[in-house]
Amino acid sequence: MEKMTSYVNDGKTIKELIYNSAGKFPDRYAFRFKVNKKITGITFRELTANIEAFGTAMVQRGYGDCRVGIIGENSYPWFLVFLSTVCGGNIAVPFDKGLTETELETCVLRSGIKVLFYDDKYQNVVDHIKSIHGDKVEFVCMAGSTSVMEEYLKQGRNAVKGGDNSYLNMEAYPEDTAVFLFTSGTTSDSKIVMLSHHNIASNIRDMLRMKIFYPTDVNMAFLPFHHSFGLVGCLVFLSSAADNVFCDGLKYVQKNFQEYGVSVFVGVPLLVENLYSKVMKQIEKQGKMKTVRFGLKLSGFLRKIGLDMRRKIFSEIIEKLGGSLRLIISGAASLDPDVSKGLNDFGIITIQGYGLTETSPVLTAERPWSVTPGSVGTPMESVKVRIEDKDENGIGEIVVTGPNIMMGYYNQPEETSQAIVDGWFHTGDLGRIDEKGILFITGRKKNVIVLKNGKNVFPEEIEELILKLPYVNECMMFTREKHNELVLWCEIAYDSSILEEEGITEKDLAERFAKDLAAINEILPKYKHINHFIITDEPMIKTTTQKVKRRAEIEKILNSWDDEKCYNTVI
């Protein structure tokens, strides 16, 4: 790989960040993707020309001063619509592609968009909304067989050549709203977060100052663009003049790593843990565990005397991940510390970050030179973090301030004033900061179970222990009341293939879990013991970033309660 130093872009708006990269590295690829199964690409020079052409066509068609909705798979057309919108000073409104017809309809009306750009695979959902609200919102297909992207680009290019400066003269200012993003949750209680160019650009500049991204990097834009982590993640790499590529699907991740020479992967823990698990299974299958253990001892010794030979010693493992992967960034939930340590030991830098949609999004991150598995690192340069209302263990609510804090919730002034007090945003997350200034997340404030004796139980810390069991895919704690006391329960979801592989029944698996859960209880204080559980092979209800929707999952459990599926730790 060509050796390069990082490019620290100082743009104050999304437009400045993109144009700065294009000015510095015009001939580098901004995006690569497949057309008819062949890889092609768009350079930064072509990207800015396309933004100007597409933006001009949007203005000519009446979308020059409005909110623009986008729904679809991660793709170059998706991002071109987004950039053409925000670089012209307008507001982009990305929608979750997993929304139902009714949910999308609600979100479209709440956000006040004038036009919705969509993939043709969502035609049915769009037709439903169009039939009811076609007089309020216009619909434009941006990707698929009925896409009008080329038509827009052609129209825009001709207009610009003919002297149409209507779009080119439009400005994006730091204080302008750039994006409306919906928070996770059900459509009725989700909030619309308003982020300005200043919010997002300040966060991007903070990340670039870490100097861990290079113009030679190839980033796989895997996380959904409607989510702040996926959207701003792609903007970070464009701002560092790196190449961005797209995945053909979950089962093609490793293949695509190799095809594109992916060097950076940003993902949620489930994806990162699955990658690690696949590699370890391949090693075991090939009978190479002994060789790997020896390699770990050898590399550990060499590092103590100042020689880092990890990537050479474990080159075969790195080859399984495409050969170029050097950096993994995990966020949105807690990454298994063993996975973090394992990947770092192989020479693939693996760090965790923490943030929220309301914080544009990154608040803290580990640094490659300071990795503490289980933590989420230290604050970004512009961010201040404090812990409020600490308990005896130093655990309290994480409260933050910085230029990345949102403008507020759209049309919800009361909720905004509750969330931001004297310039400090109350995250609703619980954590502690150690003596080195490193932040550890302990759970969600609203998830804390307060027992009748006043003791607090943080579900996440116990769930983390249960999730280490090899047959447990997902786990969630909940409570039921008995004799005026709250009783701790948990639900575990398992992979049904284990029953066939091991020739066992669900009841056999329940007996195994009962023993394992009893062993976990042994290391916990008595008030945290879980003595009752249910098991299922049904996946839990999750957000698009694979977080369990606790309230919805608990409702599902209670609505389909079956005593025959209930077990105790002593069977």
Protein backbone atom coordinates (compact mmCIF):
# COMPACT_ATOMS: atom_id res chain seq x y z
CA MET A 1 0.00 0.00 0.00
CA GLU A 2 1.28 3.49 -0.89
CA LYS A 3 2.64 5.23 2.21
CA MET A 4 0.93 8.52 2.98
CA THR A 5 0.40 10.86 5.85
CA SER A 6 -3.11 11.65 7.01
CA TYR A 7 -4.93 14.60 5.46
CA VAL A 8 -6.33 16.91 8.14
CA ASN A 9 -9.15 18.73 6.36
CA ASP A 10 -10.22 22.01 8.04
CA GLY A 11 -13.58 22.50 6.27
CA LYS A 12 -16.26 24.31 8.29
CA THR A 13 -19.21 22.87 6.33
CA ILE A 14 -19.88 19.53 4.61
CA LYS A 15 -19.44 21.32 1.27
CA GLU A 16 -16.03 22.74 2.25
CA LEU A 17 -14.87 19.34 3.51
CA ILE A 18 -15.79 17.60 0.23
CA TYR A 19 -14.41 20.36 -2.01
CA ASN A 20 -11.18 20.56 0.02
CA SER A 21 -10.58 16.83 -0.59
CA ALA A 22 -11.37 17.26 -4.29
CA GLY A 23 -8.99 20.19 -4.55
CA LYS A 24 -6.15 18.30 -2.88
CA PHE A 25 -6.71 14.86 -4.45
CA PRO A 26 -8.86 15.35 -7.60
CA ASP A 27 -7.87 12.06 -9.25
CA ARG A 28 -8.31 9.75 -6.28
CA TYR A 29 -11.45 7.64 -6.13
CA ALA A 30 -14.16 9.00 -3.85
CA PHE A 31 -16.42 5.98 -4.51
CA ARG A 32 -16.10 2.60 -6.17
CA PHE A 33 -19.00 0.29 -6.87
CA LYS A 34 -20.16 -2.42 -9.24
CA VAL A 35 -22.01 -1.89 -12.50
CA ASN A 36 -23.03 -5.15 -14.19
CA LYS A 37 -20.74 -6.99 -11.74
CA LYS A 38 -17.70 -4.94 -12.82
CA ILE A 39 -16.00 -2.50 -10.45
CA THR A 40 -16.01 1.11 -11.59
CA GLY A 41 -15.38 4.37 -9.77
CA ILE A 42 -15.97 8.09 -9.36
CA THR A 43 -13.00 10.37 -8.67
CA PHE A 44 -13.23 13.41 -6.39
CA ARG A 45 -13.11 15.65 -9.48
CA GLU A 46 -16.04 13.73 -11.00
CA LEU A 47 -17.88 13.76 -7.66
CA THR A 48 -17.91 17.57 -7.37
CA ALA A 49 -18.89 17.90 -11.06
CA ASN A 50 -21.77 15.46 -10.45
CA ILE A 51 -22.85 17.33 -7.30
CA GLU A 52 -23.05 20.56 -9.33
CA ALA A 53 -24.88 18.92 -12.24
CA PHE A 54 -27.36 17.03 -10.06
CA GLY A 55 -27.90 20.04 -7.78
CA THR A 56 -28.60 22.26 -10.79
CA ALA A 57 -31.18 19.77 -12.11
CA MET A 58 -32.81 19.71 -8.65
CA VAL A 59 -33.09 23.50 -8.65
CA GLN A 60 -34.54 23.52 -12.17
CA ARG A 61 -37.16 20.97 -11.11
CA GLY A 62 -38.20 23.00 -8.08
CA TYR A 63 -36.23 21.25 -5.33
CA GLY A 64 -33.77 24.08 -4.74
CA ASP A 65 -35.07 25.37 -1.41
CA CYS A 66 -36.67 22.54 0.51
CA ARG A 67 -36.20 19.44 2.63
CA VAL A 68 -35.23 16.41 0.62
CA GLY A 69 -36.07 12.86 1.75
CA ILE A 70 -33.90 9.87 0.82
CA ILE A 71 -34.64 6.16 1.28
CA GLY A 72 -32.69 3.22 -0.09
CA GLU A 73 -29.73 0.91 0.21
CA ASN A 74 -26.26 2.40 0.69
CA SER A 75 -25.15 3.39 -2.80
CA TYR A 76 -23.42 6.09 -4.80
CA PRO A 77 -26.78 7.54 -6.00
CA TRP A 78 -27.94 7.77 -2.34
CA PHE A 79 -24.87 9.75 -1.37
CA LEU A 80 -24.96 11.94 -4.48
CA VAL A 81 -28.53 13.01 -3.62
CA PHE A 82 -27.43 13.69 -0.04
CA LEU A 83 -24.37 15.76 -1.02
CA SER A 84 -26.24 17.67 -3.74
CA THR A 85 -28.86 18.58 -1.13
CA VAL A 86 -26.60 19.72 1.73
CA CYS A 87 -23.93 21.40 -0.47
CA GLY A 88 -26.73 23.63 -1.80
CA GLY A 89 -27.68 24.68 1.73
CA ASN A 90 -30.81 22.50 1.87
CA ILE A 91 -31.83 19.90 4.46
CA ALA A 92 -31.43 16.17 3.80
CA VAL A 93 -33.82 13.79 5.57
CA PRO A 94 -32.61 10.17 5.44
CA PHE A 95 -35.27 7.54 6.22
CA ASP A 96 -34.76 4.05 7.61
CA LYS A 97 -35.21 1.59 4.73
CA GLY A 98 -36.74 -0.89 7.18
CA LEU A 99 -39.82 1.24 7.86
CA THR A 100 -43.27 -0.11 7.06
CA GLU A 101 -45.65 1.80 4.78
CA THR A 102 -47.45 3.40 7.74
CA GLU A 103 -44.20 4.26 9.58
CA LEU A 104 -42.65 5.85 6.51
CA GLU A 105 -45.84 7.78 5.83
CA THR A 106 -45.74 9.18 9.39
CA CYS A 107 -42.06 10.12 9.09
CA VAL A 108 -42.56 11.77 5.68
CA LEU A 109 -45.37 13.95 7.06
CA ARG A 110 -43.55 14.81 10.30
CA SER A 111 -40.38 15.90 8.51
CA GLY A 112 -42.10 18.19 6.00
CA ILE A 113 -40.12 17.04 2.95
CA LYS A 114 -41.07 18.30 -0.51
CA VAL A 115 -39.53 15.42 -2.49
CA LEU A 116 -38.54 11.82 -1.72
CA PHE A 117 -35.71 10.16 -3.68
CA TYR A 118 -36.00 6.37 -3.45
CA ASP A 119 -34.66 3.01 -4.72
CA ASP A 120 -37.06 1.24 -7.07
CA LYS A 121 -37.15 -1.76 -4.73
CA TYR A 122 -39.26 0.42 -2.38
CA GLN A 123 -41.76 1.23 -5.16
CA ASN A 124 -44.67 -0.47 -3.36
CA VAL A 125 -44.14 1.53 -0.16
CA VAL A 126 -43.78 4.72 -2.19
CA ASP A 127 -46.92 3.98 -4.25
CA HIS A 128 -48.91 3.64 -1.00
CA ILE A 129 -47.78 7.07 0.25
CA LYS A 130 -48.12 8.62 -3.21
CA SER A 131 -51.75 7.53 -3.46
CA ILE A 132 -52.56 9.45 -0.24
CA HIS A 133 -50.09 12.34 -0.17
CA GLY A 134 -49.11 12.79 -3.83
CA ASP A 135 -50.33 16.40 -3.64
CA LYS A 136 -47.87 17.24 -0.82
CA VAL A 137 -44.77 15.25 -1.74
CA GLU A 138 -43.10 14.43 -5.06
CA PHE A 139 -41.34 11.11 -5.65
CA VAL A 140 -38.19 10.50 -7.71
CA CYS A 141 -36.56 7.10 -8.33
CA MET A 142 -32.79 7.45 -7.84
CA ALA A 143 -31.61 3.83 -8.15
CA GLY A 144 -32.72 0.74 -10.04
CA SER A 145 -34.18 0.07 -13.48
CA THR A 146 -36.45 3.13 -13.38
CA SER A 147 -33.78 5.52 -12.04
CA VAL A 148 -33.72 9.07 -13.42
CA MET A 149 -30.20 9.84 -12.13
CA GLU A 150 -28.62 9.95 -15.59
CA GLU A 151 -31.45 12.11 -16.86
CA TYR A 152 -30.88 14.58 -14.00
CA LEU A 153 -27.10 14.58 -14.51
CA LYS A 154 -27.44 15.19 -18.25
CA GLN A 155 -29.92 18.00 -17.70
CA GLY A 156 -27.69 19.59 -15.04
CA ARG A 157 -24.49 19.34 -17.11
CA ASN A 158 -26.14 21.00 -20.08
CA ALA A 159 -27.59 23.73 -17.88
CA VAL A 160 -24.22 24.47 -16.23
CA LYS A 161 -22.52 24.56 -19.65
CA GLY A 162 -25.20 26.99 -20.78
CA GLY A 163 -24.35 29.35 -17.92
CA ASP A 164 -26.97 28.35 -15.31
CA ASN A 165 -25.34 29.35 -11.97
CA SER A 166 -28.50 28.99 -9.86
CA TYR A 167 -27.11 26.03 -7.88
CA LEU A 168 -23.44 27.11 -8.00
CA ASN A 169 -24.39 30.39 -6.31
CA MET A 170 -26.20 28.61 -3.45
CA GLU A 171 -24.20 28.59 -0.22
CA ALA A 172 -24.10 26.31 2.81
CA TYR A 173 -23.20 28.15 6.03
CA PRO A 174 -21.88 26.53 9.24
CA GLU A 175 -24.99 27.52 11.22
CA ASP A 176 -27.41 26.12 8.60
CA THR A 177 -29.32 22.93 9.36
CA ALA A 178 -27.83 20.15 7.22
CA VAL A 179 -29.70 17.01 8.29
CA PHE A 180 -32.85 15.80 10.01
CA LEU A 181 -32.17 12.38 11.55
CA PHE A 182 -34.73 10.20 13.30
CA THR A 183 -33.67 8.63 16.60
CA SER A 184 -34.20 4.90 17.16
CA GLY A 185 -37.47 3.80 18.65
CA THR A 186 -41.02 3.39 17.47
CA THR A 187 -42.14 6.00 14.95
CA SER A 188 -44.50 7.66 17.44
CA ASP A 189 -41.86 8.30 20.11
CA SER A 190 -38.82 8.78 17.87
CA LYS A 191 -37.50 12.32 17.72
CA ILE A 192 -36.14 14.27 14.75
CA VAL A 193 -32.63 15.47 15.54
CA MET A 194 -31.54 18.68 13.80
CA LEU A 195 -27.82 18.75 13.02
CA SER A 196 -26.07 21.77 11.51
CA HIS A 197 -23.05 21.83 9.20
CA HIS A 198 -21.09 23.14 12.20
CA ASN A 199 -22.19 20.20 14.36
CA ILE A 200 -21.14 17.58 11.82
CA ALA A 201 -18.02 19.34 10.49
CA SER A 202 -16.64 19.92 14.01
CA ASN A 203 -17.02 16.22 14.77
CA ILE A 204 -15.36 15.24 11.49
CA ARG A 205 -12.44 17.59 12.16
CA ASP A 206 -12.03 16.04 15.63
CA MET A 207 -11.84 12.57 14.10
CA LEU A 208 -9.37 13.66 11.41
CA ARG A 209 -7.11 15.17 14.09
CA MET A 210 -6.57 11.66 15.44
CA LYS A 211 -4.49 11.14 12.26
CA ILE A 212 -5.48 7.51 11.83
CA PHE A 213 -7.13 7.82 8.39
CA TYR A 214 -5.24 8.17 5.10
CA PRO A 215 -6.10 9.17 1.52
CA THR A 216 -4.89 5.69 0.54
CA ASP A 217 -7.52 4.02 2.72
CA VAL A 218 -10.42 2.03 1.33
CA ASN A 219 -13.47 2.22 3.59
CA MET A 220 -16.39 -0.16 3.26
CA ALA A 221 -19.52 1.98 3.73
CA PHE A 222 -21.48 -0.82 5.41
CA LEU A 223 -23.55 0.84 8.15
CA PRO A 224 -26.86 2.31 6.90
CA PHE A 225 -26.64 5.94 5.79
CA HIS A 226 -29.89 6.83 7.57
CA HIS A 227 -27.99 6.24 10.83
CA SER A 228 -25.63 8.97 12.09
CA PHE A 229 -22.75 6.50 12.57
CA GLY A 230 -22.96 5.30 8.94
CA LEU A 231 -23.64 8.73 7.42
CA VAL A 232 -20.95 10.72 9.25
CA GLY A 233 -18.57 7.76 8.99
CA CYS A 234 -18.69 7.99 5.18
CA LEU A 235 -18.27 11.78 5.37
CA VAL A 236 -15.17 11.31 7.55
CA PHE A 237 -13.52 9.15 4.89
CA LEU A 238 -14.51 11.49 2.05
CA SER A 239 -13.05 14.35 4.12
CA SER A 240 -9.80 12.42 4.51
CA ALA A 241 -9.78 11.86 0.70
CA ALA A 242 -10.24 8.10 1.10
CA ASP A 243 -12.03 5.68 -1.24
CA ASN A 244 -15.50 4.41 -0.24
CA VAL A 245 -16.89 1.10 -1.46
CA PHE A 246 -20.13 -0.84 -1.00
CA CYS A 247 -20.87 -4.36 0.20
CA ASP A 248 -22.81 -6.88 -1.90
CA GLY A 249 -24.46 -8.27 1.23
CA LEU A 250 -23.68 -9.69 4.65
CA LYS A 251 -22.41 -13.03 3.35
CA TYR A 252 -20.06 -11.30 0.89
CA VAL A 253 -18.20 -9.11 3.42
CA GLN A 254 -14.94 -11.10 3.34
CA LYS A 255 -15.11 -11.50 -0.46
CA ASN A 256 -15.66 -7.75 -0.91
CA PHE A 257 -12.78 -7.00 1.47
CA GLN A 258 -10.53 -8.84 -0.95
CA GLU A 259 -12.05 -7.45 -4.18
CA TYR A 260 -11.71 -3.83 -3.13
CA GLY A 261 -8.65 -4.08 -0.86
CA VAL A 262 -10.62 -2.74 2.11
CA SER A 263 -8.30 -1.26 4.76
CA VAL A 264 -10.88 0.23 7.15
CA PHE A 265 -14.14 -1.26 8.38
CA VAL A 266 -16.64 0.61 10.55
CA GLY A 267 -19.26 -1.67 12.05
CA VAL A 268 -21.49 -2.56 14.96
CA PRO A 269 -20.24 -5.19 17.47
CA LEU A 270 -22.40 -7.98 16.03
CA LEU A 271 -20.66 -7.66 12.64
CA VAL A 272 -17.17 -7.35 14.12
CA GLU A 273 -17.72 -10.31 16.44
CA ASN A 274 -19.08 -12.42 13.56
CA LEU A 275 -16.00 -11.62 11.46
CA TYR A 276 -13.69 -12.64 14.29
CA SER A 277 -15.72 -15.77 15.02
CA LYS A 278 -15.56 -16.90 11.35
CA VAL A 279 -11.79 -16.45 11.24
CA MET A 280 -11.30 -18.34 14.52
CA LYS A 281 -13.52 -21.18 13.29
CA GLN A 282 -11.44 -21.45 10.10
CA ILE A 283 -8.24 -21.60 12.18
CA GLU A 284 -9.72 -24.34 14.37
CA LYS A 285 -10.99 -26.29 11.35
CA GLN A 286 -7.50 -26.23 9.83
CA GLY A 287 -5.96 -27.41 13.12
CA LYS A 288 -3.81 -24.30 13.45
CA MET A 289 -4.74 -23.15 16.96
CA LYS A 290 -1.40 -24.33 18.39
CA THR A 291 0.51 -22.33 15.74
CA VAL A 292 -1.60 -19.23 16.47
CA ARG A 293 -0.99 -19.51 20.24
CA PHE A 294 2.75 -19.76 19.63
CA GLY A 295 2.55 -16.74 17.30
CA LEU A 296 0.76 -14.73 19.99
CA LYS A 297 3.46 -15.53 22.53
CA LEU A 298 6.21 -14.68 20.05
CA SER A 299 4.64 -11.37 18.93
CA GLY A 300 3.97 -10.44 22.58
CA PHE A 301 7.65 -11.00 23.43
CA LEU A 302 8.85 -9.05 20.35
CA ARG A 303 6.58 -6.11 21.18
CA LYS A 304 8.12 -5.93 24.65
CA ILE A 305 11.53 -5.34 23.05
CA GLY A 306 10.13 -2.78 20.61
CA LEU A 307 9.47 -4.95 17.53
CA ASP A 308 5.91 -5.05 16.18
CA MET A 309 5.75 -8.09 13.91
CA ARG A 310 2.07 -8.89 14.34
CA ARG A 311 1.01 -8.34 10.72
CA LYS A 312 3.91 -10.45 9.48
CA ILE A 313 3.38 -13.30 11.96
CA PHE A 314 -0.39 -13.34 11.35
CA SER A 315 -0.29 -12.51 7.63
CA GLU A 316 -2.33 -15.65 6.85
CA ILE A 317 -5.15 -14.46 9.12
CA ILE A 318 -5.04 -10.96 7.63
CA GLU A 319 -5.23 -12.58 4.15
CA LYS A 320 -8.50 -14.25 5.19
CA LEU A 321 -9.82 -10.71 5.74
CA GLY A 322 -8.76 -9.46 2.32
CA GLY A 323 -5.08 -8.78 3.01
CA SER A 324 -5.32 -5.00 3.50
CA LEU A 325 -7.54 -4.63 6.59
CA ARG A 326 -5.65 -2.52 9.14
CA LEU A 327 -8.32 -0.73 11.17
CA ILE A 328 -11.73 -1.69 12.59
CA ILE A 329 -13.91 0.84 14.37
CA SER A 330 -16.81 -0.50 16.40
CA GLY A 331 -19.65 1.55 17.82
CA ALA A 332 -23.38 1.69 18.66
CA ALA A 333 -23.03 -0.97 21.42
CA SER A 334 -20.40 -2.70 23.52
CA LEU A 335 -17.83 -4.87 21.72
CA ASP A 336 -16.76 -8.12 23.40
CA PRO A 337 -13.38 -7.26 25.05
CA ASP A 338 -11.99 -10.68 23.99
CA VAL A 339 -12.75 -9.87 20.33
CA SER A 340 -11.13 -6.44 20.63
CA LYS A 341 -8.02 -7.96 22.21
CA GLY A 342 -7.94 -10.84 19.73
CA LEU A 343 -8.04 -8.62 16.64
CA ASN A 344 -5.51 -6.18 18.07
CA ASP A 345 -3.21 -9.12 18.89
CA PHE A 346 -3.35 -10.12 15.19
CA GLY A 347 -2.22 -6.62 14.16
CA ILE A 348 -5.64 -5.34 13.05
CA ILE A 349 -6.14 -2.18 15.10
CA THR A 350 -9.60 -2.44 16.66
CA ILE A 351 -10.99 0.50 18.58
CA GLN A 352 -14.35 1.43 20.05
CA GLY A 353 -16.16 4.73 19.94
CA TYR A 354 -19.23 6.08 21.69
CA GLY A 355 -21.78 8.65 20.64
CA LEU A 356 -25.38 9.41 19.84
CA THR A 357 -27.35 10.87 16.94
CA GLU A 358 -27.74 14.04 19.03
CA THR A 359 -23.94 14.43 19.24
CA SER A 360 -23.17 14.20 15.50
CA PRO A 361 -22.30 11.42 16.63
CA VAL A 362 -18.87 10.71 18.24
CA LEU A 363 -18.17 11.73 21.85
CA THR A 364 -15.30 9.46 22.84
CA ALA A 365 -13.01 6.94 21.15
CA GLU A 366 -10.10 4.70 21.89
CA ARG A 367 -6.86 5.59 20.16
CA PRO A 368 -4.71 2.93 18.43
CA TRP A 369 -1.89 3.74 20.87
CA SER A 370 -4.22 3.51 23.88
CA VAL A 371 -6.63 0.58 23.68
CA THR A 372 -8.45 -0.53 26.85
CA PRO A 373 -10.80 -3.40 25.93
CA GLY A 374 -14.20 -2.86 27.51
CA SER A 375 -13.89 0.94 27.45
CA VAL A 376 -14.96 3.55 24.88
CA GLY A 377 -11.78 5.58 25.23
CA THR A 378 -11.34 9.29 25.93
CA PRO A 379 -13.25 12.38 24.73
CA MET A 380 -12.73 13.85 21.26
CA GLU A 381 -10.67 17.05 21.23
CA SER A 382 -13.66 19.46 21.23
CA VAL A 383 -15.81 17.45 23.63
CA LYS A 384 -16.08 17.61 27.42
CA VAL A 385 -17.58 14.72 29.39
CA ARG A 386 -18.63 14.54 33.02
CA ILE A 387 -20.50 12.06 35.21
CA GLU A 388 -23.53 13.43 37.04
CA ASP A 389 -25.21 12.05 40.18
CA LYS A 390 -22.53 9.40 40.85
CA ASP A 391 -23.28 6.42 43.06
CA GLU A 392 -20.79 4.79 45.45
CA ASN A 393 -19.04 3.14 42.49
CA GLY A 394 -18.61 6.40 40.58
CA ILE A 395 -21.40 5.44 38.15
CA GLY A 396 -23.78 8.15 37.02
CA GLU A 397 -25.32 9.75 33.94
CA ILE A 398 -22.93 10.73 31.15
CA VAL A 399 -23.36 14.45 30.42
CA VAL A 400 -21.49 16.14 27.55
CA THR A 401 -20.86 19.46 25.86
CA GLY A 402 -19.13 20.56 22.66
CA PRO A 403 -19.71 22.05 19.19
CA ASN A 404 -21.15 18.73 18.02
CA ILE A 405 -24.23 18.92 20.27
CA MET A 406 -27.39 19.08 18.14
CA MET A 407 -29.36 22.22 17.41
CA GLY A 408 -32.34 20.52 19.07
CA TYR A 409 -35.31 18.24 18.36
CA TYR A 410 -37.50 19.45 15.49
CA ASN A 411 -40.82 20.87 16.74
CA GLN A 412 -40.14 19.60 20.28
CA PRO A 413 -38.88 22.54 22.40
CA GLU A 414 -39.77 20.92 25.73
CA GLU A 415 -37.86 17.71 24.95
CA THR A 416 -34.93 19.83 23.73
CA SER A 417 -34.78 21.87 26.96
CA GLN A 418 -34.95 18.67 29.02
CA ALA A 419 -32.08 17.11 27.04
CA ILE A 420 -29.81 20.17 26.87
CA VAL A 421 -29.38 22.03 30.16
CA ASP A 422 -26.98 25.01 30.26
CA GLY A 423 -25.29 23.75 27.09
CA TRP A 424 -24.76 20.22 28.49
CA PHE A 425 -26.51 17.31 26.77
CA HIS A 426 -27.86 14.57 29.05
CA THR A 427 -27.20 11.31 27.20
CA GLY A 428 -29.40 9.00 29.27
CA ASP A 429 -26.44 6.59 29.38
CA LEU A 430 -24.70 5.52 32.57
CA GLY A 431 -20.97 5.24 32.93
CA ARG A 432 -17.85 5.91 34.95
CA ILE A 433 -14.52 7.58 34.20
CA ASP A 434 -11.36 5.99 35.58
CA GLU A 435 -8.27 7.74 36.91
CA LYS A 436 -6.80 7.93 33.37
CA GLY A 437 -9.86 9.74 32.03
CA ILE A 438 -11.12 6.66 30.16
CA LEU A 439 -14.89 6.26 29.89
CA PHE A 440 -16.68 2.96 30.57
CA ILE A 441 -20.38 2.58 29.69
CA THR A 442 -22.37 0.62 32.26
CA GLY A 443 -25.85 0.81 30.80
CA ARG A 444 -28.84 2.90 29.84
CA LYS A 445 -30.42 5.04 32.56
CA LYS A 446 -33.91 4.00 31.52
CA ASN A 447 -32.91 0.30 31.52
CA VAL A 448 -31.74 0.27 35.14
CA ILE A 449 -33.82 -2.09 37.25
CA VAL A 450 -34.48 -0.60 40.70
CA LEU A 451 -35.38 -3.39 43.12
CA LYS A 452 -37.80 -2.87 46.02
CA ASN A 453 -34.83 -2.77 48.45
CA GLY A 454 -33.40 0.20 46.50
CA LYS A 455 -30.59 -1.77 44.88
CA ASN A 456 -29.78 -0.97 41.24
CA VAL A 457 -29.26 -3.73 38.67
CA PHE A 458 -27.63 -2.78 35.35
CA PRO A 459 -28.95 -5.36 32.84
CA GLU A 460 -26.14 -4.78 30.31
CA GLU A 461 -23.36 -5.97 32.67
CA ILE A 462 -25.12 -9.30 33.32
CA GLU A 463 -26.20 -9.73 29.69
CA GLU A 464 -22.57 -9.33 28.66
CA LEU A 465 -21.63 -12.34 30.80
CA ILE A 466 -24.48 -14.45 29.40
CA LEU A 467 -23.60 -13.53 25.79
CA LYS A 468 -20.19 -15.16 26.25
CA LEU A 469 -21.92 -18.56 26.24
CA PRO A 470 -21.27 -20.01 22.74
CA TYR A 471 -24.86 -21.07 22.05
CA VAL A 472 -26.45 -17.74 23.07
CA ASN A 473 -27.11 -15.42 20.12
CA GLU A 474 -29.00 -12.75 22.01
CA CYS A 475 -29.97 -12.07 25.60
CA MET A 476 -32.24 -9.60 27.39
CA MET A 477 -33.12 -9.18 31.07
CA PHE A 478 -36.61 -8.21 32.20
CA THR A 479 -38.65 -8.33 35.41
CA ARG A 480 -41.92 -9.77 36.63
CA GLU A 481 -43.65 -8.97 39.88
CA LYS A 482 -44.30 -11.71 42.46
CA HIS A 483 -45.55 -11.17 46.03
CA ASN A 484 -44.89 -7.42 45.65
CA GLU A 485 -41.24 -8.08 44.72
CA LEU A 486 -39.52 -7.64 41.37
CA VAL A 487 -38.11 -10.93 40.09
CA LEU A 488 -35.25 -10.94 37.58
CA TRP A 489 -35.78 -12.96 34.41
CA CYS A 490 -33.88 -13.23 31.17
CA GLU A 491 -34.71 -14.31 27.65
CA ILE A 492 -32.08 -16.02 25.53
CA ALA A 493 -32.28 -16.55 21.79
CA TYR A 494 -30.29 -19.44 20.33
CA ASP A 495 -29.45 -20.64 16.82
CA SER A 496 -31.83 -23.53 16.05
CA SER A 497 -29.09 -25.32 14.07
CA ILE A 498 -27.38 -26.22 17.36
CA LEU A 499 -30.19 -28.69 18.16
CA GLU A 500 -29.58 -30.65 14.96
CA GLU A 501 -25.79 -30.38 15.14
CA GLU A 502 -25.65 -31.73 18.69
CA GLY A 503 -28.68 -34.00 18.49
CA ILE A 504 -30.39 -32.35 21.46
CA THR A 505 -33.82 -30.90 22.23
CA GLU A 506 -34.69 -27.40 23.37
CA LYS A 507 -35.23 -28.80 26.86
CA ASP A 508 -31.68 -30.22 26.84
CA LEU A 509 -30.39 -26.78 25.90
CA ALA A 510 -32.44 -25.20 28.68
CA GLU A 511 -30.85 -27.60 31.18
CA ARG A 512 -27.39 -26.63 29.93
CA PHE A 513 -28.22 -22.93 30.24
CA ALA A 514 -29.65 -23.44 33.73
CA LYS A 515 -26.28 -24.81 34.88
CA ASP A 516 -24.33 -22.07 33.10
CA LEU A 517 -26.61 -19.38 34.52
CA ALA A 518 -26.17 -20.83 38.02
CA ALA A 519 -22.39 -20.52 37.55
CA ILE A 520 -22.80 -16.87 36.47
CA ASN A 521 -24.98 -16.22 39.51
CA GLU A 522 -22.14 -17.53 41.71
CA ILE A 523 -19.92 -14.58 40.76
CA LEU A 524 -22.67 -11.98 41.24
CA PRO A 525 -24.14 -10.46 44.44
CA LYS A 526 -27.31 -12.29 45.45
CA TYR A 527 -29.63 -9.39 44.52
CA LYS A 528 -28.41 -9.68 40.90
CA HIS A 529 -29.15 -13.41 40.59
CA ILE A 530 -31.37 -14.49 37.70
CA ASN A 531 -33.21 -17.65 38.66
CA HIS A 532 -35.84 -17.74 35.90
CA PHE A 533 -35.53 -17.64 32.14
CA ILE A 534 -37.24 -18.32 28.84
CA ILE A 535 -35.55 -19.56 25.68
CA THR A 536 -36.44 -19.13 22.03
CA ASP A 537 -34.99 -19.59 18.56
CA GLU A 538 -36.78 -16.44 17.35
CA PRO A 539 -34.54 -13.36 16.79
CA MET A 540 -35.33 -10.44 19.09
CA ILE A 541 -36.87 -7.21 17.80
CA LYS A 542 -33.97 -4.90 16.92
CA THR A 543 -33.12 -1.50 15.48
CA THR A 544 -31.19 -1.28 12.21
CA THR A 545 -27.96 -1.05 14.22
CA GLN A 546 -28.84 -4.37 15.86
CA LYS A 547 -29.74 -3.00 19.31
CA VAL A 548 -32.58 -4.92 20.98
CA LYS A 549 -35.75 -2.83 21.27
CA ARG A 550 -36.35 -3.73 24.90
CA ARG A 551 -39.83 -2.34 25.31
CA ALA A 552 -41.10 -3.97 22.12
CA GLU A 553 -39.40 -7.27 22.99
CA ILE A 554 -40.88 -7.29 26.52
CA GLU A 555 -44.34 -6.62 25.06
CA LYS A 556 -43.83 -9.55 22.68
CA ILE A 557 -42.77 -11.83 25.56
CA LEU A 558 -45.75 -10.89 27.75
CA ASN A 559 -48.27 -11.14 24.89
CA SER A 560 -47.13 -14.66 23.99
CA TRP A 561 -46.31 -15.93 27.49
CA ASP A 562 -46.01 -19.70 27.61
CA ASP A 563 -45.34 -21.41 30.95
CA GLU A 564 -43.91 -24.40 29.11
CA LYS A 565 -41.09 -22.17 27.80
CA CYS A 566 -40.21 -20.97 31.32
CA TYR A 567 -37.35 -22.53 33.25
CA ASN A 568 -35.53 -22.10 36.55
CA THR A 569 -31.80 -22.27 37.20
CA VAL A 570 -32.49 -25.50 39.08
CA ILE A 571 -34.46 -27.86 36.82
